[in-house]
Amino acid sequence: MTYSFDGSNLYLLKLNKGEHLSAAIEQFVHEVKAEGASISGLGGALEMTLGYYDLDAKEYKWKTYNGLYEVLSLTGNLAFDEDGKMMFHLHGVFGDAQYQTIGGHVKDLTVGATLELCVYRTHVPLKRKNDSDVGLQTLDL
């Protein structure tokens, strides 16, 4: 992973083939000491684990996809849970060679040719706390 900074609040990240999104984001957060951000991106993926949140069961249903996919849209944020652990909350839309799309909550992905991210660092820390009504840690605003 490499990145550049515009001097204000925008970082551009480039992940290379074979890198894992979760590890790259964790490394980036550690290096720049980001306390919150909005993220968008595009590129390619070789493998991804996507989820759909079942509100009644209060759990994610996970599915792993293998093969080459275009990352058509990746959007979300990063914040810290009540224990201070970094969490990213990303959703993505992915296209296959037949021009069919799939999407969902992104647990992780392995980069295809490249993955390009725009990370807009927030001016205030973003935190999450448990919302027992939905069974998730939601933004604590």
Protein backbone atom coordinates (compact mmCIF):
# COMPACT_ATOMS: atom_id res chain seq x y z
CA MET A 1 0.00 0.00 0.00
CA THR A 2 1.12 3.49 -0.80
CA TYR A 3 -0.61 6.77 -0.09
CA SER A 4 -0.37 10.50 -0.56
CA PHE A 5 -1.82 13.39 1.45
CA ASP A 6 -3.19 16.68 0.13
CA GLY A 7 -2.18 18.63 3.26
CA SER A 8 -5.76 19.13 4.40
CA ASN A 9 -7.86 16.03 4.98
CA LEU A 10 -7.71 13.86 1.82
CA TYR A 11 -5.53 10.78 1.52
CA LEU A 12 -5.30 8.78 -1.70
CA LEU A 13 -4.41 5.14 -1.13
CA LYS A 14 -3.30 2.60 -3.70
CA LEU A 15 -3.40 -1.08 -2.81
CA ASN A 16 -1.62 -3.62 -4.98
CA LYS A 17 -2.61 -7.05 -6.26
CA GLY A 18 -2.81 -9.58 -3.46
CA GLU A 19 -3.10 -7.11 -0.59
CA HIS A 20 -5.93 -7.49 1.90
CA LEU A 21 -8.16 -4.46 2.39
CA SER A 22 -8.54 -4.93 6.16
CA ALA A 23 -4.79 -5.16 6.78
CA ALA A 24 -4.06 -2.14 4.58
CA ILE A 25 -6.67 0.02 6.34
CA GLU A 26 -5.36 -1.04 9.75
CA GLN A 27 -1.79 -0.19 8.71
CA PHE A 28 -2.89 3.16 7.29
CA VAL A 29 -4.82 4.12 10.44
CA HIS A 30 -1.80 3.21 12.57
CA GLU A 31 0.66 5.18 10.42
CA VAL A 32 -1.35 8.39 10.12
CA LYS A 33 -3.11 8.09 13.49
CA ALA A 34 -6.51 8.70 11.89
CA GLU A 35 -9.37 8.86 14.38
CA GLY A 36 -12.16 8.67 11.83
CA ALA A 37 -12.73 8.91 8.09
CA SER A 38 -15.09 8.59 5.18
CA ILE A 39 -13.94 6.17 2.48
CA SER A 40 -14.76 5.65 -1.19
CA GLY A 41 -13.00 3.53 -3.75
CA LEU A 42 -12.86 1.43 -6.89
CA GLY A 43 -10.59 -1.09 -8.56
CA GLY A 44 -10.46 -4.86 -8.68
CA ALA A 45 -10.88 -7.82 -6.35
CA LEU A 46 -9.81 -11.46 -6.55
CA GLU A 47 -11.74 -12.61 -3.52
CA MET A 48 -14.21 -10.91 -1.21
CA THR A 49 -16.38 -11.81 1.73
CA LEU A 50 -19.69 -9.97 1.70
CA GLY A 51 -22.48 -9.92 4.19
CA TYR A 52 -26.15 -9.22 4.52
CA TYR A 53 -27.38 -8.22 7.98
CA ASP A 54 -30.39 -10.20 9.18
CA LEU A 55 -32.08 -7.76 11.54
CA ASP A 56 -34.37 -10.39 13.10
CA ALA A 57 -31.48 -12.76 13.88
CA LYS A 58 -29.15 -9.83 14.65
CA GLU A 59 -26.32 -11.40 12.68
CA TYR A 60 -24.56 -11.19 9.34
CA LYS A 61 -24.99 -13.88 6.71
CA TRP A 62 -21.55 -14.13 5.05
CA LYS A 63 -20.64 -15.36 1.58
CA THR A 64 -17.18 -15.51 -0.02
CA TYR A 65 -16.77 -14.91 -3.75
CA ASN A 66 -13.68 -16.03 -5.67
CA GLY A 67 -12.65 -14.87 -9.12
CA LEU A 68 -11.88 -11.57 -10.75
CA TYR A 69 -14.38 -8.79 -10.01
CA GLU A 70 -14.45 -5.10 -10.78
CA VAL A 71 -14.93 -3.00 -7.65
CA LEU A 72 -17.58 -0.68 -9.07
CA SER A 73 -18.23 1.19 -5.85
CA LEU A 74 -16.86 0.98 -2.34
CA THR A 75 -18.14 3.40 0.27
CA GLY A 76 -18.22 3.72 4.04
CA ASN A 77 -16.35 4.97 7.07
CA LEU A 78 -13.93 4.04 9.77
CA ALA A 79 -14.44 4.61 13.46
CA PHE A 80 -13.41 3.11 16.79
CA ASP A 81 -15.46 0.82 19.00
CA GLU A 82 -15.96 1.20 22.75
CA ASP A 83 -12.72 -0.74 23.36
CA GLY A 84 -10.72 1.56 21.07
CA LYS A 85 -10.46 -0.98 18.23
CA MET A 86 -10.62 0.40 14.69
CA MET A 87 -13.65 -0.74 12.71
CA PHE A 88 -14.36 -0.07 9.07
CA HIS A 89 -17.93 -0.12 7.82
CA LEU A 90 -17.90 -0.53 4.05
CA HIS A 91 -20.46 -1.54 1.47
CA GLY A 92 -19.54 -2.48 -2.05
CA VAL A 93 -20.91 -3.25 -5.49
CA PHE A 94 -18.90 -5.65 -7.64
CA GLY A 95 -19.18 -6.69 -11.29
CA ASP A 96 -18.17 -9.97 -12.90
CA ALA A 97 -17.10 -10.89 -16.46
CA GLN A 98 -20.74 -11.34 -17.48
CA TYR A 99 -21.52 -7.75 -16.37
CA GLN A 100 -23.62 -9.02 -13.48
CA THR A 101 -23.37 -7.27 -10.13
CA ILE A 102 -23.41 -8.33 -6.50
CA GLY A 103 -23.09 -6.23 -3.41
CA GLY A 104 -23.17 -6.14 0.33
CA HIS A 105 -21.37 -5.31 3.54
CA VAL A 106 -17.64 -5.86 2.97
CA LYS A 107 -15.92 -8.00 5.59
CA ASP A 108 -12.68 -8.14 3.62
CA LEU A 109 -11.33 -8.47 0.10
CA THR A 110 -8.14 -9.39 -1.68
CA VAL A 111 -7.09 -6.82 -4.26
CA GLY A 112 -7.08 -7.71 -7.97
CA ALA A 113 -5.01 -5.45 -10.24
CA THR A 114 -5.31 -2.46 -7.89
CA LEU A 115 -7.65 -0.78 -5.43
CA GLU A 116 -7.78 3.01 -5.22
CA LEU A 117 -9.27 4.64 -2.14
CA CYS A 118 -10.11 8.21 -1.24
CA VAL A 119 -9.96 8.56 2.53
CA TYR A 120 -11.36 11.81 3.94
CA ARG A 121 -10.07 12.17 7.47
CA THR A 122 -12.56 13.65 9.92
CA HIS A 123 -11.73 16.60 12.13
CA VAL A 124 -13.26 14.88 15.17
CA PRO A 125 -12.86 11.28 16.35
CA LEU A 126 -15.56 8.86 15.18
CA LYS A 127 -16.75 6.34 17.73
CA ARG A 128 -19.21 3.46 17.74
CA LYS A 129 -21.25 2.06 20.58
CA ASN A 130 -23.49 -0.95 20.93
CA ASP A 131 -27.12 -0.46 19.93
CA SER A 132 -28.93 -3.39 21.53
CA ASP A 133 -32.09 -2.68 19.51
CA VAL A 134 -30.38 -3.64 16.24
CA GLY A 135 -27.50 -5.73 17.61
CA LEU A 136 -24.75 -3.64 16.04
CA GLN A 137 -22.22 -1.04 17.05
CA THR A 138 -23.52 2.13 15.41
CA LEU A 139 -21.97 5.57 15.15
CA ASP A 140 -22.11 7.47 18.41
CA LEU A 141 -22.86 11.01 17.28
